Protein backbone atom coordinates (compact mmCIF):
# COMPACT_ATOMS: atom_id res chain seq x y z
CA MET A 1 0.00 0.00 0.00
CA ALA A 2 1.26 3.47 -0.84
CA THR A 3 2.70 5.40 2.08
CA THR A 4 1.46 8.83 3.14
CA LYS A 5 4.73 10.31 1.85
CA THR A 6 4.12 8.79 -1.59
CA LEU A 7 0.50 9.96 -1.62
CA THR A 8 1.57 13.45 -0.63
CA ARG A 9 4.09 13.55 -3.46
CA LEU A 10 1.50 12.29 -5.96
CA PHE A 11 -0.95 14.90 -4.80
CA SER A 12 1.62 17.67 -5.03
CA LEU A 13 2.47 16.70 -8.60
CA SER A 14 -1.18 16.46 -9.56
CA LEU A 15 -1.86 19.92 -8.19
CA GLN A 16 0.87 21.41 -10.35
CA GLN A 17 -0.53 19.62 -13.40
CA ALA A 18 -4.05 20.79 -12.57
CA LEU A 19 -2.93 24.37 -12.27
CA ARG A 20 -1.33 24.24 -15.71
CA ARG A 21 -4.63 22.98 -17.14
CA ASN A 22 -6.65 25.52 -15.15
CA SER A 23 -8.72 22.69 -13.75
CA SER A 24 -10.89 22.77 -10.63
CA ASN A 25 -9.75 21.84 -7.15
CA LEU A 26 -10.93 18.28 -7.67
CA VAL A 27 -7.88 16.42 -8.97
CA HIS A 28 -7.97 12.92 -10.38
CA ILE A 29 -4.88 10.77 -10.69
CA THR A 30 -4.67 7.15 -11.62
CA ARG A 31 -1.47 5.38 -10.68
CA ASN A 32 -1.31 1.72 -9.80
CA CYS A 33 -5.11 1.71 -9.57
CA LEU A 34 -4.95 4.49 -6.95
CA HIS A 35 -7.58 7.25 -7.16
CA ILE A 36 -7.07 10.43 -5.22
CA HIS A 37 -10.04 12.71 -4.64
CA VAL A 38 -8.90 15.86 -2.96
CA GLN A 39 -12.26 16.78 -1.53
CA THR A 40 -13.16 13.40 -0.04
CA GLN A 41 -10.02 11.54 1.10
CA SER A 42 -8.69 12.07 4.59
CA PHE A 43 -5.17 10.69 4.16
CA ILE A 44 -3.91 13.90 2.53
CA PRO A 45 -2.27 16.09 5.20
CA LYS A 46 -4.14 19.36 5.68
CA GLN A 47 -1.05 21.47 5.08
CA VAL A 48 -0.67 19.93 1.60
CA PHE A 49 -4.04 21.12 0.31
CA VAL A 50 -3.73 24.51 -1.33
CA SER A 51 -6.38 26.01 -3.61
CA ASN A 52 -5.55 26.85 -7.20
CA ALA A 53 -6.36 30.50 -6.48
CA LYS A 54 -3.80 30.58 -3.67
CA ILE A 55 -1.15 28.96 -5.84
CA LYS A 56 -1.84 31.42 -8.65
CA ARG A 57 -1.51 34.32 -6.22
CA ARG A 58 1.81 32.91 -5.05
CA TYR A 59 3.16 32.68 -8.60
CA ALA A 60 1.77 36.12 -9.44
CA THR A 61 3.78 37.47 -6.50
CA LEU A 62 6.84 35.61 -7.74
CA VAL A 63 6.50 37.19 -11.19
CA GLU A 64 6.07 40.63 -9.62
CA ASN A 65 9.20 40.11 -7.51
CA ALA A 66 11.15 38.94 -10.55
CA GLU A 67 9.98 42.00 -12.50
CA GLU A 68 11.04 44.25 -9.62
CA LEU A 69 14.52 42.70 -9.52
CA ARG A 70 14.85 43.20 -13.27
CA SER A 71 13.55 46.77 -13.13
CA SER A 72 15.40 48.09 -10.09
CA LYS A 73 18.65 46.12 -10.03
CA GLU A 74 18.97 44.64 -13.54
CA ILE A 75 19.65 41.19 -12.08
CA CYS A 76 18.33 37.71 -12.83
CA TRP A 77 15.64 36.49 -10.45
CA LYS A 78 17.15 32.99 -10.37
CA CYS A 79 20.95 33.39 -10.23
CA SER A 80 21.19 37.07 -9.23
CA GLU A 81 23.68 37.80 -12.00
CA LYS A 82 23.54 41.05 -13.94
CA VAL A 83 21.42 40.96 -17.10
CA LYS A 84 21.56 43.18 -20.16
CA THR A 85 18.78 45.51 -21.22
CA SER A 86 16.16 44.10 -23.59
CA GLU A 87 17.29 40.47 -23.17
CA PHE A 88 14.66 37.83 -22.55
CA PHE A 89 17.03 35.15 -21.22
CA CYS A 90 19.77 35.30 -18.60
CA ALA A 91 23.21 34.90 -20.19
CA SER A 92 24.52 33.21 -17.03
CA CYS A 93 21.90 30.57 -16.19
CA GLY A 94 19.71 30.62 -19.33
CA THR A 95 16.43 31.14 -17.47
CA VAL A 96 13.63 33.23 -18.94
CA LEU A 97 13.49 36.81 -17.69
CA PRO A 98 10.49 39.04 -17.08
CA VAL A 99 10.36 42.34 -18.91
CA LYS A 100 11.20 45.54 -17.07
CA ASN A 101 8.25 47.53 -15.77
CA SER A 102 9.59 50.58 -17.57
CA ASP A 103 10.02 48.89 -20.95
CA SER A 104 7.83 50.44 -23.63
CA TYR A 105 6.17 48.41 -26.37
CA PHE A 106 8.84 49.68 -28.76
CA THR A 107 11.62 48.51 -26.43
CA LEU A 108 10.20 44.99 -26.35
CA PHE A 109 10.74 44.74 -30.10
CA ASN A 110 14.01 46.69 -30.06
CA LEU A 111 12.47 49.48 -32.16
CA GLN A 112 12.92 53.22 -32.06
CA VAL A 113 9.90 55.15 -30.82
CA ASP A 114 8.56 56.22 -34.19
CA PHE A 115 5.07 56.35 -35.68
CA ASP A 116 6.40 55.34 -39.09
CA ILE A 117 7.48 51.75 -38.45
CA SER A 118 7.76 48.83 -40.86
CA SER A 119 4.81 46.47 -40.46
CA PRO A 120 6.69 43.47 -41.95
CA LEU A 121 9.63 44.14 -39.62
CA LEU A 122 7.36 44.34 -36.57
CA GLN A 123 5.55 41.16 -37.57
CA ASN A 124 8.81 39.31 -38.13
CA LYS A 125 10.19 40.33 -34.73
CA PHE A 126 6.93 39.33 -33.05
CA LYS A 127 6.91 35.86 -34.61
CA LYS A 128 10.55 35.21 -33.67
CA LEU A 129 9.99 36.23 -30.07
CA GLN A 130 6.81 34.20 -29.74
CA LYS A 131 8.64 31.12 -30.98
CA LEU A 132 11.19 31.59 -28.20
CA LEU A 133 8.84 32.66 -25.43
CA HIS A 134 5.55 30.87 -26.04
CA PRO A 135 4.41 29.11 -22.83
CA ASP A 136 4.33 25.74 -24.64
CA LYS A 137 8.13 25.96 -24.85
CA PHE A 138 8.29 25.88 -21.05
CA SER A 139 6.00 22.94 -20.31
CA LEU A 140 8.91 20.95 -18.81
CA LYS A 141 10.41 23.90 -16.94
CA SER A 142 9.69 24.98 -13.38
CA SER A 143 6.35 26.52 -12.50
CA ALA A 144 8.08 29.86 -11.94
CA GLU A 145 9.52 29.86 -15.46
CA GLN A 146 6.14 28.88 -16.88
CA GLU A 147 4.46 31.79 -15.12
CA ILE A 148 7.11 34.26 -16.27
CA SER A 149 6.93 33.03 -19.88
CA GLU A 150 3.14 33.43 -19.83
CA SER A 151 3.51 36.95 -18.48
CA VAL A 152 6.11 37.92 -21.10
CA SER A 153 4.16 36.29 -23.93
CA SER A 154 1.00 38.14 -22.89
CA LYS A 155 2.83 41.48 -22.87
CA LEU A 156 4.31 40.77 -26.29
CA ASN A 157 0.84 40.06 -27.69
CA LYS A 158 -0.54 43.27 -26.21
CA ALA A 159 2.43 45.28 -27.48
CA TYR A 160 2.24 43.83 -31.00
CA PHE A 161 -1.46 44.47 -31.52
CA CYS A 162 -1.07 48.00 -30.19
CA LEU A 163 1.84 48.87 -32.49
CA ALA A 164 0.45 47.05 -35.52
CA LYS A 165 -2.37 49.57 -36.09
CA PRO A 166 -1.68 53.26 -36.80
CA LEU A 167 -4.43 54.58 -34.53
CA SER A 168 -3.53 52.58 -31.42
CA ARG A 169 0.18 53.14 -32.12
CA GLY A 170 -0.32 56.91 -32.28
CA LEU A 171 -2.47 56.99 -29.15
CA TYR A 172 0.17 54.93 -27.33
CA MET A 173 2.91 57.34 -28.40
CA LEU A 174 0.86 60.23 -26.99
CA LYS A 175 0.38 58.24 -23.78
CA LEU A 176 4.17 57.86 -23.46
CA GLN A 177 4.29 61.67 -23.47
CA GLY A 178 1.60 61.94 -20.80
CA ILE A 179 -1.27 62.74 -23.18
CA HIS A 180 -4.28 60.45 -22.70
CA LEU A 181 -7.21 60.47 -25.12
CA GLY A 182 -10.37 58.83 -23.83
CA GLU A 183 -12.66 56.66 -25.92
CA ASN A 184 -15.27 59.44 -26.13
CA VAL A 185 -12.90 62.16 -27.34
CA SER A 186 -14.44 64.21 -30.16
CA ALA A 187 -13.25 66.67 -32.79
CA ASP A 188 -13.78 70.39 -32.24
CA ASP A 189 -14.00 71.40 -35.90
CA PRO A 190 -17.71 71.88 -36.88
CA GLU A 191 -16.96 71.58 -40.60
CA PHE A 192 -15.17 68.27 -40.12
CA LEU A 193 -17.98 66.93 -37.94
CA MET A 194 -20.48 67.95 -40.64
CA GLU A 195 -18.40 66.09 -43.24
CA ILE A 196 -18.46 62.94 -41.09
CA MET A 197 -22.21 63.25 -40.60
CA GLU A 198 -22.78 63.58 -44.34
CA LEU A 199 -20.61 60.54 -45.04
CA ASN A 200 -22.64 58.47 -42.59
CA GLU A 201 -25.88 59.66 -44.22
CA GLN A 202 -24.56 58.74 -47.68
CA ILE A 203 -23.62 55.28 -46.45
CA ALA A 204 -27.09 54.74 -44.99
CA ALA A 205 -28.83 55.81 -48.21
CA SER A 206 -26.58 54.24 -50.85
CA ASN A 207 -25.86 50.89 -52.45
CA GLU A 208 -22.75 48.70 -52.62
CA GLU A 209 -21.23 50.55 -55.57
CA THR A 210 -21.46 53.89 -53.76
CA HIS A 211 -20.10 52.25 -50.61
CA LYS A 212 -16.97 51.31 -52.53
CA GLU A 213 -16.57 54.86 -53.82
CA ILE A 214 -16.89 56.25 -50.29
CA GLN A 215 -14.44 53.65 -49.02
CA ALA A 216 -11.86 54.75 -51.59
CA THR A 217 -12.28 58.36 -50.44
CA VAL A 218 -11.95 57.38 -46.78
CA LYS A 219 -8.86 55.30 -47.52
CA SER A 220 -7.28 58.32 -49.20
CA HIS A 221 -7.98 60.45 -46.11
CA LEU A 222 -6.46 57.79 -43.85
CA GLU A 223 -3.30 57.57 -45.94
CA GLU A 224 -2.94 61.35 -45.95
CA LEU A 225 -3.45 61.54 -42.19
CA THR A 226 -0.93 58.74 -41.61
CA THR A 227 1.73 60.78 -43.40
CA LYS A 228 0.83 63.92 -41.44
CA ILE A 229 0.82 62.12 -38.07
CA ALA A 230 4.26 60.62 -38.72
CA ALA A 231 5.64 64.06 -39.63
CA GLU A 232 4.16 65.73 -36.53
CA PHE A 233 5.61 63.08 -34.22
CA ARG A 234 9.04 63.47 -35.84
CA ASP A 235 8.83 67.24 -35.22
CA ASN A 236 7.57 66.58 -31.67
CA ASN A 237 4.44 68.59 -32.44
CA LEU A 238 2.21 66.55 -30.14
CA TYR A 239 -0.82 68.83 -30.29
CA ALA A 240 -1.02 68.58 -34.10
CA ALA A 241 -0.43 64.82 -33.92
CA LYS A 242 -3.30 64.54 -31.43
CA GLU A 243 -5.68 66.50 -33.67
CA HIS A 244 -4.80 64.36 -36.68
CA LEU A 245 -5.28 61.18 -34.64
CA ILE A 246 -8.76 62.31 -33.59
CA ARG A 247 -9.69 62.74 -37.26
CA PHE A 248 -8.04 59.41 -38.06
CA LYS A 249 -10.32 57.80 -35.47
CA TYR A 250 -13.46 59.14 -37.16
CA TYR A 251 -12.38 57.93 -40.59
CA SER A 252 -11.36 54.56 -39.15
CA ASN A 253 -14.83 54.10 -37.69
CA ILE A 254 -16.37 54.80 -41.10
CA ASP A 255 -13.93 52.43 -42.79
CA GLU A 256 -14.88 49.64 -40.35
CA LYS A 257 -18.56 50.27 -41.01
CA LEU A 258 -17.99 50.03 -44.77
CA ARG A 259 -16.00 46.80 -44.40
CA GLU A 260 -19.02 45.25 -42.73
CA LEU A 261 -21.37 46.46 -45.49
CA ILE A 262 -19.21 45.55 -48.49
CA PRO A 263 -19.04 41.78 -49.07
CA PRO A 264 -15.55 40.36 -49.65
CA SER A 265 -14.67 40.04 -53.33
């Protein structure tokens, strides 16, 4: 018959596996015809039972501590050796590193802070990093490394989808400069607002052919604004960049509406 020590070890392993699968507290293991039911068996020592939520909080704290070590001291959370900026793995022990709290989305991809970035270059960098840092790559590593890889991978996803689109990229660049635009921000120019209103009325009263004509006009406006926004950011004219981004947002909303109305060719 299995000893309490063996059962405890089996239970501990099963809990780790359950956490990785995001399963409930009820853990099932079959080994040598042995079934362990966490909620019903009494042979499991009380101090061994820990809820998934508590374990997740513990690992969340570990990730936060690792991020703090990286941010404040530039050292590896595992071996305490110095690490270089913008590296995702420790050169000394090879373990995965959390990103610094101060790292911008541009820093994660080793890009200059610039509105006019290469989409293929960004996409290529993102794919390479995801291949290295995807949580599936760490399935046989320690739970700490798995948690850190999930955290880094999540931040990379968020950073990529923000930088991939001109509007969110521009708004993020303003945010880096302390300028926050809310979701309900509106343009102040009455003539521009009238133009947007007329475009929406035309869309509501026209057919597919006219929709395509309007879409071409809107696309032209978006391309023109993209060029202007890039120039204003390069000249550090943040107010002008903000005004252009607000207009870009209006045209983007119309473009999305037209995409829904025009069937794919």
